[in-house]
């Protein structure tokens, strides 16, 4: 009986992930596109970004609840594939994943979300790449695009970068975010060992 209950909880959590969670994520990307549309007046742009922020928080909460419901190991593979699929630009994924500790997984997940949001909202990129490898001993993540790169003049973007750095610090990871050398765009590199993560 207990196994049947757990199987049902996992099934429900996955249905929510495949349905409602993906719909919310898609709405978020539509709001990103709307907020950067040249025809939107400044007041509407501010309100659109406020709604986007609230929607992002709702999505994070929903995914946490799904995890608690299913007690399922946190995996980033499906999350990364879904996020990049909604970018509506050419994407290239190279993913090799094993499980990481829960606390580490949530922080890395949030960093990925912010990085993809920056690509959608600020980069004007036509192409993006993600290289992600996680083993029992380490994690290496690279996300890059061919857009306009990082600007010191976009305050909302800088706040997002600061937030990612704070999350990386929480799990003892090394985070580098910089413009690509010799070609347009931005590169994010996150490196982590499970020894550091296990102390968190």
C-alpha atoms as a PDB file:
ATOM      1  CA  UNK A   1       0.000   0.000   0.000  1.00  0.00           C
ATOM      2  CA  UNK A   2       2.774   2.449   0.911  1.00  0.00           C
ATOM      3  CA  UNK A   3       4.508   1.828  -2.409  1.00  0.00           C
ATOM      4  CA  UNK A   4       1.231   2.442  -4.254  1.00  0.00           C
ATOM      5  CA  UNK A   5       0.743   5.754  -2.430  1.00  0.00           C
ATOM      6  CA  UNK A   6       4.287   6.865  -3.226  1.00  0.00           C
ATOM      7  CA  UNK A   7       3.883   5.882  -6.875  1.00  0.00           C
ATOM      8  CA  UNK A   8       0.696   7.944  -7.083  1.00  0.00           C
ATOM      9  CA  UNK A   9       2.395  10.949  -5.475  1.00  0.00           C
ATOM     10  CA  UNK A  10       5.241  10.734  -7.964  1.00  0.00           C
ATOM     11  CA  UNK A  11       2.759  10.440 -10.846  1.00  0.00           C
ATOM     12  CA  UNK A  12       0.833  13.531  -9.701  1.00  0.00           C
ATOM     13  CA  UNK A  13       4.022  15.549  -9.235  1.00  0.00           C
ATOM     14  CA  UNK A  14       5.218  14.670 -12.718  1.00  0.00           C
ATOM     15  CA  UNK A  15       1.847  15.540 -14.235  1.00  0.00           C
ATOM     16  CA  UNK A  16       2.057  18.949 -12.570  1.00  0.00           C
ATOM     17  CA  UNK A  17       5.594  19.386 -13.899  1.00  0.00           C
ATOM     18  CA  UNK A  18       4.640  18.419 -17.429  1.00  0.00           C
ATOM     19  CA  UNK A  19       1.444  20.499 -17.411  1.00  0.00           C
ATOM     20  CA  UNK A  20       1.008  23.464 -15.097  1.00  0.00           C
ATOM     21  CA  UNK A  21       4.687  24.141 -14.437  1.00  0.00           C
ATOM     22  CA  UNK A  22       5.532  24.193 -18.135  1.00  0.00           C
ATOM     23  CA  UNK A  23       2.585  26.489 -18.863  1.00  0.00           C
ATOM     24  CA  UNK A  24       3.747  28.939 -16.198  1.00  0.00           C
ATOM     25  CA  UNK A  25       7.287  28.844 -17.606  1.00  0.00           C
ATOM     26  CA  UNK A  26       5.965  29.542 -21.106  1.00  0.00           C
ATOM     27  CA  UNK A  27       3.927  32.500 -19.819  1.00  0.00           C
ATOM     28  CA  UNK A  28       7.080  33.849 -18.230  1.00  0.00           C
ATOM     29  CA  UNK A  29       8.917  33.859 -21.540  1.00  0.00           C
ATOM     30  CA  UNK A  30       5.981  35.592 -23.209  1.00  0.00           C
ATOM     31  CA  UNK A  31       6.167  38.295 -20.538  1.00  0.00           C
ATOM     32  CA  UNK A  32       9.918  38.609 -21.167  1.00  0.00           C
ATOM     33  CA  UNK A  33       9.247  39.189 -24.857  1.00  0.00           C
ATOM     34  CA  UNK A  34       6.476  41.685 -24.099  1.00  0.00           C
ATOM     35  CA  UNK A  35       8.612  43.679 -21.665  1.00  0.00           C
ATOM     36  CA  UNK A  36      11.280  44.246 -24.338  1.00  0.00           C
ATOM     37  CA  UNK A  37       8.872  45.047 -27.182  1.00  0.00           C
ATOM     38  CA  UNK A  38       9.537  48.582 -28.491  1.00  0.00           C
ATOM     39  CA  UNK A  39       5.810  49.379 -28.625  1.00  0.00           C
ATOM     40  CA  UNK A  40       5.249  48.927 -24.873  1.00  0.00           C
ATOM     41  CA  UNK A  41       5.091  52.170 -22.864  1.00  0.00           C
ATOM     42  CA  UNK A  42       7.432  52.538 -19.848  1.00  0.00           C
ATOM     43  CA  UNK A  43       4.733  52.146 -17.181  1.00  0.00           C
ATOM     44  CA  UNK A  44       3.423  48.947 -18.766  1.00  0.00           C
ATOM     45  CA  UNK A  45       6.991  47.672 -19.109  1.00  0.00           C
ATOM     46  CA  UNK A  46       7.619  48.121 -15.379  1.00  0.00           C
ATOM     47  CA  UNK A  47       4.351  46.380 -14.504  1.00  0.00           C
ATOM     48  CA  UNK A  48       5.103  43.527 -16.899  1.00  0.00           C
ATOM     49  CA  UNK A  49       8.481  42.942 -15.263  1.00  0.00           C
ATOM     50  CA  UNK A  50       6.888  43.047 -11.797  1.00  0.00           C
ATOM     51  CA  UNK A  51       4.399  40.378 -12.839  1.00  0.00           C
ATOM     52  CA  UNK A  52       7.255  38.354 -14.349  1.00  0.00           C
ATOM     53  CA  UNK A  53       9.132  38.444 -11.050  1.00  0.00           C
ATOM     54  CA  UNK A  54       6.075  37.259  -9.130  1.00  0.00           C
ATOM     55  CA  UNK A  55       5.462  34.520 -11.688  1.00  0.00           C
ATOM     56  CA  UNK A  56       9.047  33.314 -11.321  1.00  0.00           C
ATOM     57  CA  UNK A  57       8.620  33.101  -7.558  1.00  0.00           C
ATOM     58  CA  UNK A  58       5.394  31.156  -7.984  1.00  0.00           C
ATOM     59  CA  UNK A  59       7.118  28.715 -10.315  1.00  0.00           C
ATOM     60  CA  UNK A  60       9.959  28.128  -7.850  1.00  0.00           C
ATOM     61  CA  UNK A  61       7.460  27.506  -5.042  1.00  0.00           C
ATOM     62  CA  UNK A  62       5.473  25.119  -7.223  1.00  0.00           C
ATOM     63  CA  UNK A  63       8.548  23.101  -8.106  1.00  0.00           C
ATOM     64  CA  UNK A  64       9.562  22.880  -4.458  1.00  0.00           C
ATOM     65  CA  UNK A  65       6.114  21.558  -3.598  1.00  0.00           C
ATOM     66  CA  UNK A  66       6.332  19.025  -6.410  1.00  0.00           C
ATOM     67  CA  UNK A  67       9.632  17.802  -5.021  1.00  0.00           C
ATOM     68  CA  UNK A  68       8.230  17.429  -1.518  1.00  0.00           C
ATOM     69  CA  UNK A  69       5.179  15.649  -2.907  1.00  0.00           C
ATOM     70  CA  UNK A  70       7.152  13.097  -4.864  1.00  0.00           C
ATOM     71  CA  UNK A  71      10.289  12.794  -2.710  1.00  0.00           C
ATOM     72  CA  UNK A  72      11.867  12.333  -6.090  1.00  0.00           C
ATOM     73  CA  UNK A  73      15.596  13.116  -6.555  1.00  0.00           C
ATOM     74  CA  UNK A  74      16.094  16.579  -8.026  1.00  0.00           C
ATOM     75  CA  UNK A  75      17.309  16.370 -11.594  1.00  0.00           C
ATOM     76  CA  UNK A  76      18.266  19.297 -13.768  1.00  0.00           C
ATOM     77  CA  UNK A  77      18.249  17.537 -17.123  1.00  0.00           C
ATOM     78  CA  UNK A  78      14.529  17.924 -17.824  1.00  0.00           C
ATOM     79  CA  UNK A  79      14.561  21.439 -16.384  1.00  0.00           C
ATOM     80  CA  UNK A  80      17.378  22.608 -18.641  1.00  0.00           C
ATOM     81  CA  UNK A  81      15.826  20.994 -21.712  1.00  0.00           C
ATOM     82  CA  UNK A  82      12.479  22.656 -20.988  1.00  0.00           C
ATOM     83  CA  UNK A  83      13.959  26.104 -20.334  1.00  0.00           C
ATOM     84  CA  UNK A  84      16.024  26.081 -23.510  1.00  0.00           C
ATOM     85  CA  UNK A  85      13.102  24.770 -25.563  1.00  0.00           C
ATOM     86  CA  UNK A  86      11.118  27.889 -24.647  1.00  0.00           C
ATOM     87  CA  UNK A  87      13.847  30.329 -25.716  1.00  0.00           C
ATOM     88  CA  UNK A  88      12.614  30.253 -29.327  1.00  0.00           C
ATOM     89  CA  UNK A  89      16.177  30.495 -30.650  1.00  0.00           C
ATOM     90  CA  UNK A  90      18.621  27.874 -31.872  1.00  0.00           C
ATOM     91  CA  UNK A  91      19.942  25.893 -28.897  1.00  0.00           C
ATOM     92  CA  UNK A  92      22.632  23.265 -28.343  1.00  0.00           C
ATOM     93  CA  UNK A  93      22.587  21.019 -25.260  1.00  0.00           C
ATOM     94  CA  UNK A  94      25.299  18.670 -24.017  1.00  0.00           C
ATOM     95  CA  UNK A  95      24.080  17.126 -20.745  1.00  0.00           C
ATOM     96  CA  UNK A  96      25.580  14.300 -18.669  1.00  0.00           C
ATOM     97  CA  UNK A  97      23.930  14.120 -15.258  1.00  0.00           C
ATOM     98  CA  UNK A  98      24.003  12.186 -12.022  1.00  0.00           C
ATOM     99  CA  UNK A  99      22.294  13.197  -8.785  1.00  0.00           C
ATOM    100  CA  UNK A 100      23.592  15.984  -6.524  1.00  0.00           C
ATOM    101  CA  UNK A 101      22.546  16.793  -2.930  1.00  0.00           C
ATOM    102  CA  UNK A 102      19.166  18.530  -2.612  1.00  0.00           C
ATOM    103  CA  UNK A 103      20.426  21.868  -1.309  1.00  0.00           C
ATOM    104  CA  UNK A 104      22.944  22.103  -4.102  1.00  0.00           C
ATOM    105  CA  UNK A 105      20.401  21.149  -6.739  1.00  0.00           C
ATOM    106  CA  UNK A 106      17.976  23.920  -5.831  1.00  0.00           C
ATOM    107  CA  UNK A 107      20.661  26.623  -5.911  1.00  0.00           C
ATOM    108  CA  UNK A 108      22.017  25.417  -9.253  1.00  0.00           C
ATOM    109  CA  UNK A 109      18.465  25.245 -10.593  1.00  0.00           C
ATOM    110  CA  UNK A 110      17.877  28.894  -9.605  1.00  0.00           C
ATOM    111  CA  UNK A 111      21.143  29.941 -11.270  1.00  0.00           C
ATOM    112  CA  UNK A 112      20.109  28.180 -14.486  1.00  0.00           C
ATOM    113  CA  UNK A 113      16.702  29.886 -14.398  1.00  0.00           C
ATOM    114  CA  UNK A 114      18.264  33.333 -14.005  1.00  0.00           C
ATOM    115  CA  UNK A 115      20.853  32.685 -16.726  1.00  0.00           C
ATOM    116  CA  UNK A 116      18.186  31.603 -19.216  1.00  0.00           C
ATOM    117  CA  UNK A 117      15.962  34.531 -18.201  1.00  0.00           C
ATOM    118  CA  UNK A 118      18.851  36.901 -18.967  1.00  0.00           C
ATOM    119  CA  UNK A 119      19.274  35.327 -22.399  1.00  0.00           C
ATOM    120  CA  UNK A 120      15.553  35.705 -23.107  1.00  0.00           C
ATOM    121  CA  UNK A 121      15.221  39.238 -21.770  1.00  0.00           C
ATOM    122  CA  UNK A 122      18.535  41.005 -22.335  1.00  0.00           C
ATOM    123  CA  UNK A 123      20.830  39.228 -24.780  1.00  0.00           C
ATOM    124  CA  UNK A 124      19.099  39.604 -28.181  1.00  0.00           C
ATOM    125  CA  UNK A 125      20.806  36.290 -28.978  1.00  0.00           C
ATOM    126  CA  UNK A 126      19.932  34.026 -31.877  1.00  0.00           C
ATOM    127  CA  UNK A 127      21.794  31.011 -30.493  1.00  0.00           C
ATOM    128  CA  UNK A 128      22.551  29.556 -27.047  1.00  0.00           C
ATOM    129  CA  UNK A 129      24.557  26.636 -25.674  1.00  0.00           C
ATOM    130  CA  UNK A 130      24.509  24.624 -22.456  1.00  0.00           C
ATOM    131  CA  UNK A 131      27.184  22.138 -21.407  1.00  0.00           C
ATOM    132  CA  UNK A 132      26.305  20.428 -18.134  1.00  0.00           C
ATOM    133  CA  UNK A 133      28.066  17.543 -16.398  1.00  0.00           C
ATOM    134  CA  UNK A 134      27.233  16.303 -12.896  1.00  0.00           C
ATOM    135  CA  UNK A 135      28.838  13.308 -11.188  1.00  0.00           C
ATOM    136  CA  UNK A 136      28.924  12.170  -7.557  1.00  0.00           C
ATOM    137  CA  UNK A 137      32.099  14.240  -7.209  1.00  0.00           C
ATOM    138  CA  UNK A 138      31.631  17.412  -9.236  1.00  0.00           C
ATOM    139  CA  UNK A 139      29.437  19.668 -11.317  1.00  0.00           C
ATOM    140  CA  UNK A 140      30.449  21.737 -14.317  1.00  0.00           C
ATOM    141  CA  UNK A 141      27.958  24.018 -16.054  1.00  0.00           C
ATOM    142  CA  UNK A 142      28.550  26.368 -18.982  1.00  0.00           C
ATOM    143  CA  UNK A 143      25.766  28.496 -20.473  1.00  0.00           C
ATOM    144  CA  UNK A 144      26.607  30.884 -23.290  1.00  0.00           C
ATOM    145  CA  UNK A 145      24.933  32.862 -26.055  1.00  0.00           C
ATOM    146  CA  UNK A 146      25.849  34.926 -29.107  1.00  0.00           C
ATOM    147  CA  UNK A 147      24.008  38.077 -28.007  1.00  0.00           C
ATOM    148  CA  UNK A 148      25.153  41.565 -27.071  1.00  0.00           C
ATOM    149  CA  UNK A 149      26.959  40.545 -23.890  1.00  0.00           C
ATOM    150  CA  UNK A 150      26.863  42.047 -20.404  1.00  0.00           C
ATOM    151  CA  UNK A 151      26.261  45.769 -19.997  1.00  0.00           C
ATOM    152  CA  UNK A 152      27.093  47.841 -16.908  1.00  0.00           C
ATOM    153  CA  UNK A 153      24.089  50.041 -17.684  1.00  0.00           C
ATOM    154  CA  UNK A 154      21.299  47.452 -17.275  1.00  0.00           C
ATOM    155  CA  UNK A 155      20.507  47.533 -13.555  1.00  0.00           C
ATOM    156  CA  UNK A 156      18.016  44.661 -13.629  1.00  0.00           C
ATOM    157  CA  UNK A 157      20.592  42.461 -15.323  1.00  0.00           C
ATOM    158  CA  UNK A 158      23.257  43.374 -12.759  1.00  0.00           C
ATOM    159  CA  UNK A 159      20.896  42.477  -9.898  1.00  0.00           C
ATOM    160  CA  UNK A 160      20.321  39.097 -11.494  1.00  0.00           C
ATOM    161  CA  UNK A 161      24.061  38.498 -11.795  1.00  0.00           C
ATOM    162  CA  UNK A 162      24.548  39.439  -8.145  1.00  0.00           C
ATOM    163  CA  UNK A 163      21.808  37.024  -7.117  1.00  0.00           C
ATOM    164  CA  UNK A 164      23.468  34.189  -9.033  1.00  0.00           C
ATOM    165  CA  UNK A 165      26.803  34.933  -7.358  1.00  0.00           C
ATOM    166  CA  UNK A 166      25.169  34.841  -3.929  1.00  0.00           C
ATOM    167  CA  UNK A 167      23.603  31.460  -4.694  1.00  0.00           C
ATOM    168  CA  UNK A 168      26.926  30.088  -5.900  1.00  0.00           C
ATOM    169  CA  UNK A 169      28.583  31.269  -2.687  1.00  0.00           C
ATOM    170  CA  UNK A 170      25.957  29.451  -0.617  1.00  0.00           C
ATOM    171  CA  UNK A 171      26.998  26.081  -2.048  1.00  0.00           C
ATOM    172  CA  UNK A 172      30.714  26.793  -2.253  1.00  0.00           C
ATOM    173  CA  UNK A 173      30.761  26.928  -6.044  1.00  0.00           C
ATOM    174  CA  UNK A 174      32.904  29.086  -8.314  1.00  0.00           C
ATOM    175  CA  UNK A 175      30.872  31.246 -10.694  1.00  0.00           C
ATOM    176  CA  UNK A 176      32.275  33.257 -13.594  1.00  0.00           C
ATOM    177  CA  UNK A 177      30.093  35.466 -15.795  1.00  0.00           C
ATOM    178  CA  UNK A 178      31.849  37.363 -18.557  1.00  0.00           C
ATOM    179  CA  UNK A 179      31.595  38.463 -22.150  1.00  0.00           C
ATOM    180  CA  UNK A 180      33.005  35.954 -24.603  1.00  0.00           C
ATOM    181  CA  UNK A 181      36.461  36.738 -25.919  1.00  0.00           C
ATOM    182  CA  UNK A 182      36.780  37.264 -29.662  1.00  0.00           C
ATOM    183  CA  UNK A 183      33.082  36.693 -30.389  1.00  0.00           C
ATOM    184  CA  UNK A 184      29.776  38.253 -29.342  1.00  0.00           C
ATOM    185  CA  UNK A 185      27.809  37.082 -26.354  1.00  0.00           C
ATOM    186  CA  UNK A 186      28.146  36.073 -22.725  1.00  0.00           C
ATOM    187  CA  UNK A 187      29.494  32.963 -20.992  1.00  0.00           C
ATOM    188  CA  UNK A 188      28.502  31.688 -17.541  1.00  0.00           C
ATOM    189  CA  UNK A 189      30.656  28.999 -15.934  1.00  0.00           C
ATOM    190  CA  UNK A 190      29.723  27.267 -12.664  1.00  0.00           C
ATOM    191  CA  UNK A 191      32.126  24.784 -11.071  1.00  0.00           C
ATOM    192  CA  UNK A 192      31.380  22.813  -7.918  1.00  0.00           C
ATOM    193  CA  UNK A 193      32.754  19.863  -5.964  1.00  0.00           C
ATOM    194  CA  UNK A 194      30.473  17.751  -3.803  1.00  0.00           C
ATOM    195  CA  UNK A 195      32.904  18.033  -0.901  1.00  0.00           C
ATOM    196  CA  UNK A 196      32.053  21.733  -0.725  1.00  0.00           C
ATOM    197  CA  UNK A 197      28.388  21.049  -1.315  1.00  0.00           C
ATOM    198  CA  UNK A 198      28.195  18.377   1.344  1.00  0.00           C
ATOM    199  CA  UNK A 199      29.130  20.890   4.045  1.00  0.00           C
ATOM    200  CA  UNK A 200      26.115  23.074   3.213  1.00  0.00           C
END
